[in-house]
Amino acid sequence: MALFEAVYENTEQAQVRFIGVHTEEGLYDLGLLFSNQFFGKTMIINLQTGRTALADASDLANPIWLKEALQLKSEAEAERLAHFLEDHIPSLPWKPEY
């Protein structure tokens, strides 16, 4: 008997965008993964720390959350990065399927 049983398994062609962002405090290498699996959110990957976060436009309004989620250097840095990401993350409304 298997210890784990697969609940679901989906394969899709996801869109990934890699962006290098230079700010006053440093350089951030980010991956933005767009998928149908994230309930309308984009997976933001900090390629330097390995931290990931699912975010949409409303999440970017909270710089404290973004700072903690991606291990950024300061809240001011998170505000600048959030402002930059607003232009790169779609604000698609998520609607439940069922």
N, C-alpha and C. Protein backbone atom coordinates (compact mmCIF):
# COMPACT_ATOMS: atom_id res chain seq x y z
N MET A 1 0.85 -1.19 0.00
CA MET A 1 0.00 0.00 0.00
C MET A 1 0.89 1.25 0.00
N ALA A 2 0.54 2.19 -0.84
CA ALA A 2 1.32 3.42 -0.96
C ALA A 2 1.05 4.34 0.23
N LEU A 3 2.10 5.01 0.67
CA LEU A 3 1.94 5.97 1.75
C LEU A 3 1.24 7.24 1.29
N PHE A 4 1.37 7.54 0.00
CA PHE A 4 0.77 8.74 -0.55
C PHE A 4 -0.13 8.37 -1.72
N GLU A 5 -1.25 9.03 -1.80
CA GLU A 5 -2.17 8.82 -2.90
C GLU A 5 -2.37 10.16 -3.61
N ALA A 6 -2.16 10.17 -4.90
CA ALA A 6 -2.30 11.42 -5.67
C ALA A 6 -3.75 11.88 -5.64
N VAL A 7 -3.96 13.13 -5.31
CA VAL A 7 -5.29 13.72 -5.28
C VAL A 7 -5.63 14.32 -6.65
N TYR A 8 -4.65 14.96 -7.26
CA TYR A 8 -4.83 15.47 -8.62
C TYR A 8 -3.47 15.56 -9.29
N GLU A 9 -3.50 15.60 -10.60
CA GLU A 9 -2.28 15.77 -11.38
C GLU A 9 -2.66 16.46 -12.68
N ASN A 10 -2.16 17.65 -12.87
CA ASN A 10 -2.47 18.44 -14.06
C ASN A 10 -1.17 18.82 -14.76
N THR A 11 -1.22 18.88 -16.06
CA THR A 11 -0.10 19.35 -16.85
C THR A 11 -0.60 20.51 -17.70
N GLU A 12 0.18 21.59 -17.74
CA GLU A 12 -0.20 22.73 -18.56
C GLU A 12 1.05 23.44 -19.05
N GLN A 13 0.90 24.23 -20.06
CA GLN A 13 1.97 25.08 -20.55
C GLN A 13 1.83 26.41 -19.81
N ALA A 14 2.68 26.64 -18.84
CA ALA A 14 2.61 27.88 -18.06
C ALA A 14 3.53 28.93 -18.69
N GLN A 15 3.17 30.17 -18.50
CA GLN A 15 4.00 31.28 -18.98
C GLN A 15 4.88 31.74 -17.83
N VAL A 16 6.17 31.87 -18.09
CA VAL A 16 7.12 32.33 -17.07
C VAL A 16 7.86 33.54 -17.62
N ARG A 17 8.00 34.53 -16.78
CA ARG A 17 8.72 35.75 -17.16
C ARG A 17 9.82 35.99 -16.14
N PHE A 18 11.03 36.24 -16.59
CA PHE A 18 12.16 36.51 -15.69
C PHE A 18 12.51 37.98 -15.80
N ILE A 19 12.64 38.63 -14.64
CA ILE A 19 12.88 40.07 -14.61
C ILE A 19 13.98 40.36 -13.59
N GLY A 20 14.93 41.17 -13.99
CA GLY A 20 15.93 41.69 -13.07
C GLY A 20 15.56 43.12 -12.72
N VAL A 21 15.46 43.41 -11.44
CA VAL A 21 15.02 44.74 -11.00
C VAL A 21 16.14 45.36 -10.16
N HIS A 22 16.60 46.53 -10.56
CA HIS A 22 17.61 47.26 -9.81
C HIS A 22 16.93 48.36 -9.02
N THR A 23 17.19 48.41 -7.71
CA THR A 23 16.61 49.43 -6.85
C THR A 23 17.73 50.14 -6.10
N GLU A 24 17.35 51.05 -5.23
CA GLU A 24 18.35 51.78 -4.44
C GLU A 24 19.14 50.86 -3.52
N GLU A 25 18.51 49.78 -3.07
CA GLU A 25 19.15 48.90 -2.10
C GLU A 25 19.74 47.63 -2.70
N GLY A 26 19.51 47.38 -3.97
CA GLY A 26 20.09 46.17 -4.54
C GLY A 26 19.43 45.74 -5.83
N LEU A 27 19.82 44.54 -6.25
CA LEU A 27 19.32 43.94 -7.47
C LEU A 27 18.50 42.71 -7.11
N TYR A 28 17.34 42.57 -7.70
CA TYR A 28 16.48 41.42 -7.45
C TYR A 28 16.25 40.68 -8.75
N ASP A 29 16.48 39.38 -8.72
CA ASP A 29 16.19 38.51 -9.85
C ASP A 29 14.89 37.79 -9.52
N LEU A 30 13.87 38.04 -10.32
CA LEU A 30 12.54 37.50 -10.04
C LEU A 30 12.06 36.64 -11.20
N GLY A 31 11.30 35.63 -10.86
CA GLY A 31 10.56 34.86 -11.84
C GLY A 31 9.08 35.07 -11.57
N LEU A 32 8.32 35.32 -12.61
CA LEU A 32 6.87 35.48 -12.50
C LEU A 32 6.23 34.34 -13.26
N LEU A 33 5.51 33.48 -12.56
CA LEU A 33 4.91 32.30 -13.17
C LEU A 33 3.40 32.49 -13.23
N PHE A 34 2.87 32.47 -14.43
CA PHE A 34 1.44 32.64 -14.64
C PHE A 34 0.85 31.27 -14.94
N SER A 35 -0.12 30.84 -14.14
CA SER A 35 -0.70 29.51 -14.29
C SER A 35 -2.19 29.56 -13.96
N ASN A 36 -2.93 28.61 -14.50
CA ASN A 36 -4.34 28.49 -14.15
C ASN A 36 -4.54 27.85 -12.78
N GLN A 37 -3.48 27.36 -12.17
CA GLN A 37 -3.58 26.64 -10.91
C GLN A 37 -3.59 27.56 -9.68
N PHE A 38 -3.35 28.83 -9.85
CA PHE A 38 -3.13 29.72 -8.71
C PHE A 38 -4.30 30.65 -8.43
N PHE A 39 -5.49 30.31 -8.86
CA PHE A 39 -6.69 31.06 -8.53
C PHE A 39 -6.58 32.54 -8.90
N GLY A 40 -6.04 32.83 -10.08
CA GLY A 40 -5.93 34.21 -10.55
C GLY A 40 -4.73 34.96 -10.03
N LYS A 41 -3.86 34.29 -9.28
CA LYS A 41 -2.68 34.96 -8.75
C LYS A 41 -1.45 34.56 -9.55
N THR A 42 -0.40 35.33 -9.42
CA THR A 42 0.87 35.06 -10.07
C THR A 42 1.85 34.58 -9.01
N MET A 43 2.62 33.55 -9.33
CA MET A 43 3.66 33.11 -8.41
C MET A 43 4.89 33.98 -8.65
N ILE A 44 5.32 34.69 -7.61
CA ILE A 44 6.52 35.51 -7.67
C ILE A 44 7.63 34.71 -6.99
N ILE A 45 8.73 34.51 -7.68
CA ILE A 45 9.84 33.74 -7.14
C ILE A 45 11.04 34.66 -7.02
N ASN A 46 11.56 34.81 -5.80
CA ASN A 46 12.81 35.53 -5.60
C ASN A 46 13.92 34.52 -5.86
N LEU A 47 14.57 34.63 -7.00
CA LEU A 47 15.55 33.63 -7.41
C LEU A 47 16.81 33.64 -6.55
N GLN A 48 17.04 34.71 -5.79
CA GLN A 48 18.21 34.78 -4.93
C GLN A 48 17.99 34.06 -3.60
N THR A 49 16.78 34.14 -3.07
CA THR A 49 16.50 33.50 -1.78
C THR A 49 15.72 32.21 -1.92
N GLY A 50 15.10 32.00 -3.09
CA GLY A 50 14.26 30.82 -3.28
C GLY A 50 12.87 30.98 -2.71
N ARG A 51 12.56 32.13 -2.16
CA ARG A 51 11.23 32.36 -1.59
C ARG A 51 10.22 32.58 -2.69
N THR A 52 9.01 32.07 -2.48
CA THR A 52 7.93 32.26 -3.44
C THR A 52 6.70 32.81 -2.74
N ALA A 53 5.88 33.49 -3.49
CA ALA A 53 4.62 34.01 -2.97
C ALA A 53 3.62 34.08 -4.10
N LEU A 54 2.37 33.79 -3.79
CA LEU A 54 1.29 33.98 -4.75
C LEU A 54 0.69 35.36 -4.50
N ALA A 55 0.60 36.16 -5.55
CA ALA A 55 0.13 37.53 -5.36
C ALA A 55 -0.70 38.00 -6.55
N ASP A 56 -1.63 38.88 -6.25
CA ASP A 56 -2.36 39.60 -7.29
C ASP A 56 -2.24 41.08 -6.95
N ALA A 57 -2.91 41.92 -7.70
CA ALA A 57 -2.79 43.36 -7.51
C ALA A 57 -3.17 43.79 -6.09
N SER A 58 -4.17 43.15 -5.49
CA SER A 58 -4.57 43.54 -4.13
C SER A 58 -3.51 43.16 -3.10
N ASP A 59 -2.79 42.08 -3.31
CA ASP A 59 -1.72 41.69 -2.38
C ASP A 59 -0.56 42.68 -2.41
N LEU A 60 -0.31 43.25 -3.57
CA LEU A 60 0.80 44.19 -3.70
C LEU A 60 0.56 45.49 -2.94
N ALA A 61 -0.67 45.73 -2.53
CA ALA A 61 -1.00 46.93 -1.75
C ALA A 61 -0.49 46.82 -0.31
N ASN A 62 0.00 45.65 0.09
CA ASN A 62 0.49 45.43 1.44
C ASN A 62 2.00 45.20 1.41
N PRO A 63 2.82 46.26 1.49
CA PRO A 63 4.26 46.09 1.38
C PRO A 63 4.88 45.29 2.53
N ILE A 64 4.27 45.31 3.71
CA ILE A 64 4.80 44.52 4.82
C ILE A 64 4.71 43.04 4.49
N TRP A 65 3.58 42.62 3.91
CA TRP A 65 3.42 41.23 3.50
C TRP A 65 4.45 40.86 2.44
N LEU A 66 4.64 41.74 1.44
CA LEU A 66 5.58 41.46 0.36
C LEU A 66 7.01 41.37 0.89
N LYS A 67 7.37 42.23 1.82
CA LYS A 67 8.71 42.21 2.42
C LYS A 67 8.97 40.87 3.10
N GLU A 68 8.02 40.41 3.90
CA GLU A 68 8.19 39.14 4.60
C GLU A 68 8.15 37.95 3.64
N ALA A 69 7.23 37.99 2.69
CA ALA A 69 7.05 36.86 1.79
C ALA A 69 8.29 36.60 0.94
N LEU A 70 8.93 37.66 0.46
CA LEU A 70 10.08 37.50 -0.43
C LEU A 70 11.42 37.81 0.24
N GLN A 71 11.42 38.03 1.54
CA GLN A 71 12.62 38.35 2.31
C GLN A 71 13.36 39.55 1.71
N LEU A 72 12.64 40.65 1.55
CA LEU A 72 13.23 41.87 1.03
C LEU A 72 13.93 42.62 2.15
N LYS A 73 14.78 43.58 1.79
CA LYS A 73 15.62 44.25 2.77
C LYS A 73 14.88 45.25 3.65
N SER A 74 13.85 45.91 3.12
CA SER A 74 13.15 46.92 3.91
C SER A 74 11.72 47.08 3.39
N GLU A 75 10.91 47.74 4.19
CA GLU A 75 9.54 48.01 3.77
C GLU A 75 9.51 49.00 2.61
N ALA A 76 10.42 49.97 2.64
CA ALA A 76 10.51 50.94 1.53
C ALA A 76 10.86 50.22 0.23
N GLU A 77 11.76 49.25 0.33
CA GLU A 77 12.14 48.46 -0.84
C GLU A 77 10.94 47.65 -1.35
N ALA A 78 10.16 47.11 -0.42
CA ALA A 78 8.96 46.36 -0.79
C ALA A 78 7.95 47.26 -1.49
N GLU A 79 7.81 48.50 -1.03
CA GLU A 79 6.90 49.44 -1.68
C GLU A 79 7.33 49.73 -3.11
N ARG A 80 8.64 49.94 -3.31
CA ARG A 80 9.15 50.20 -4.66
C ARG A 80 8.94 48.99 -5.57
N LEU A 81 9.22 47.80 -5.04
CA LEU A 81 9.06 46.59 -5.83
C LEU A 81 7.59 46.34 -6.15
N ALA A 82 6.71 46.58 -5.19
CA ALA A 82 5.27 46.40 -5.42
C ALA A 82 4.80 47.34 -6.53
N HIS A 83 5.27 48.56 -6.50
CA HIS A 83 4.90 49.52 -7.55
C HIS A 83 5.37 49.03 -8.92
N PHE A 84 6.57 48.49 -8.98
CA PHE A 84 7.09 47.94 -10.24
C PHE A 84 6.25 46.75 -10.69
N LEU A 85 5.93 45.85 -9.76
CA LEU A 85 5.20 44.63 -10.11
C LEU A 85 3.76 44.90 -10.54
N GLU A 86 3.19 46.01 -10.10
CA GLU A 86 1.82 46.35 -10.51
C GLU A 86 1.68 46.38 -12.03
N ASP A 87 2.74 46.75 -12.72
CA ASP A 87 2.71 46.81 -14.18
C ASP A 87 3.00 45.46 -14.83
N HIS A 88 3.42 44.47 -14.05
CA HIS A 88 3.82 43.18 -14.61
C HIS A 88 2.93 42.02 -14.17
N ILE A 89 2.05 42.27 -13.21
CA ILE A 89 1.15 41.21 -12.74
C ILE A 89 -0.26 41.57 -13.17
N PRO A 90 -0.92 40.68 -13.89
CA PRO A 90 -2.28 40.99 -14.33
C PRO A 90 -3.25 41.03 -13.16
N SER A 91 -4.23 41.87 -13.25
CA SER A 91 -5.27 41.91 -12.22
C SER A 91 -6.52 41.27 -12.79
N LEU A 92 -6.51 39.96 -12.82
CA LEU A 92 -7.65 39.21 -13.34
C LEU A 92 -8.52 38.78 -12.18
N PRO A 93 -9.80 39.04 -12.24
CA PRO A 93 -10.67 38.60 -11.15
C PRO A 93 -10.79 37.08 -11.15
N TRP A 94 -10.71 36.50 -9.97
CA TRP A 94 -10.85 35.06 -9.84
C TRP A 94 -12.28 34.75 -9.47
N LYS A 95 -12.85 33.79 -10.19
CA LYS A 95 -14.22 33.36 -9.92
C LYS A 95 -14.20 31.87 -9.69
N PRO A 96 -14.85 31.40 -8.63
CA PRO A 96 -14.88 29.96 -8.40
C PRO A 96 -15.60 29.24 -9.55
N GLU A 97 -15.11 28.05 -9.88
CA GLU A 97 -15.71 27.28 -10.98
C GLU A 97 -16.96 26.54 -10.55
N TYR A 98 -17.08 26.25 -9.28
CA TYR A 98 -18.19 25.40 -8.82
C TYR A 98 -19.10 26.16 -7.89
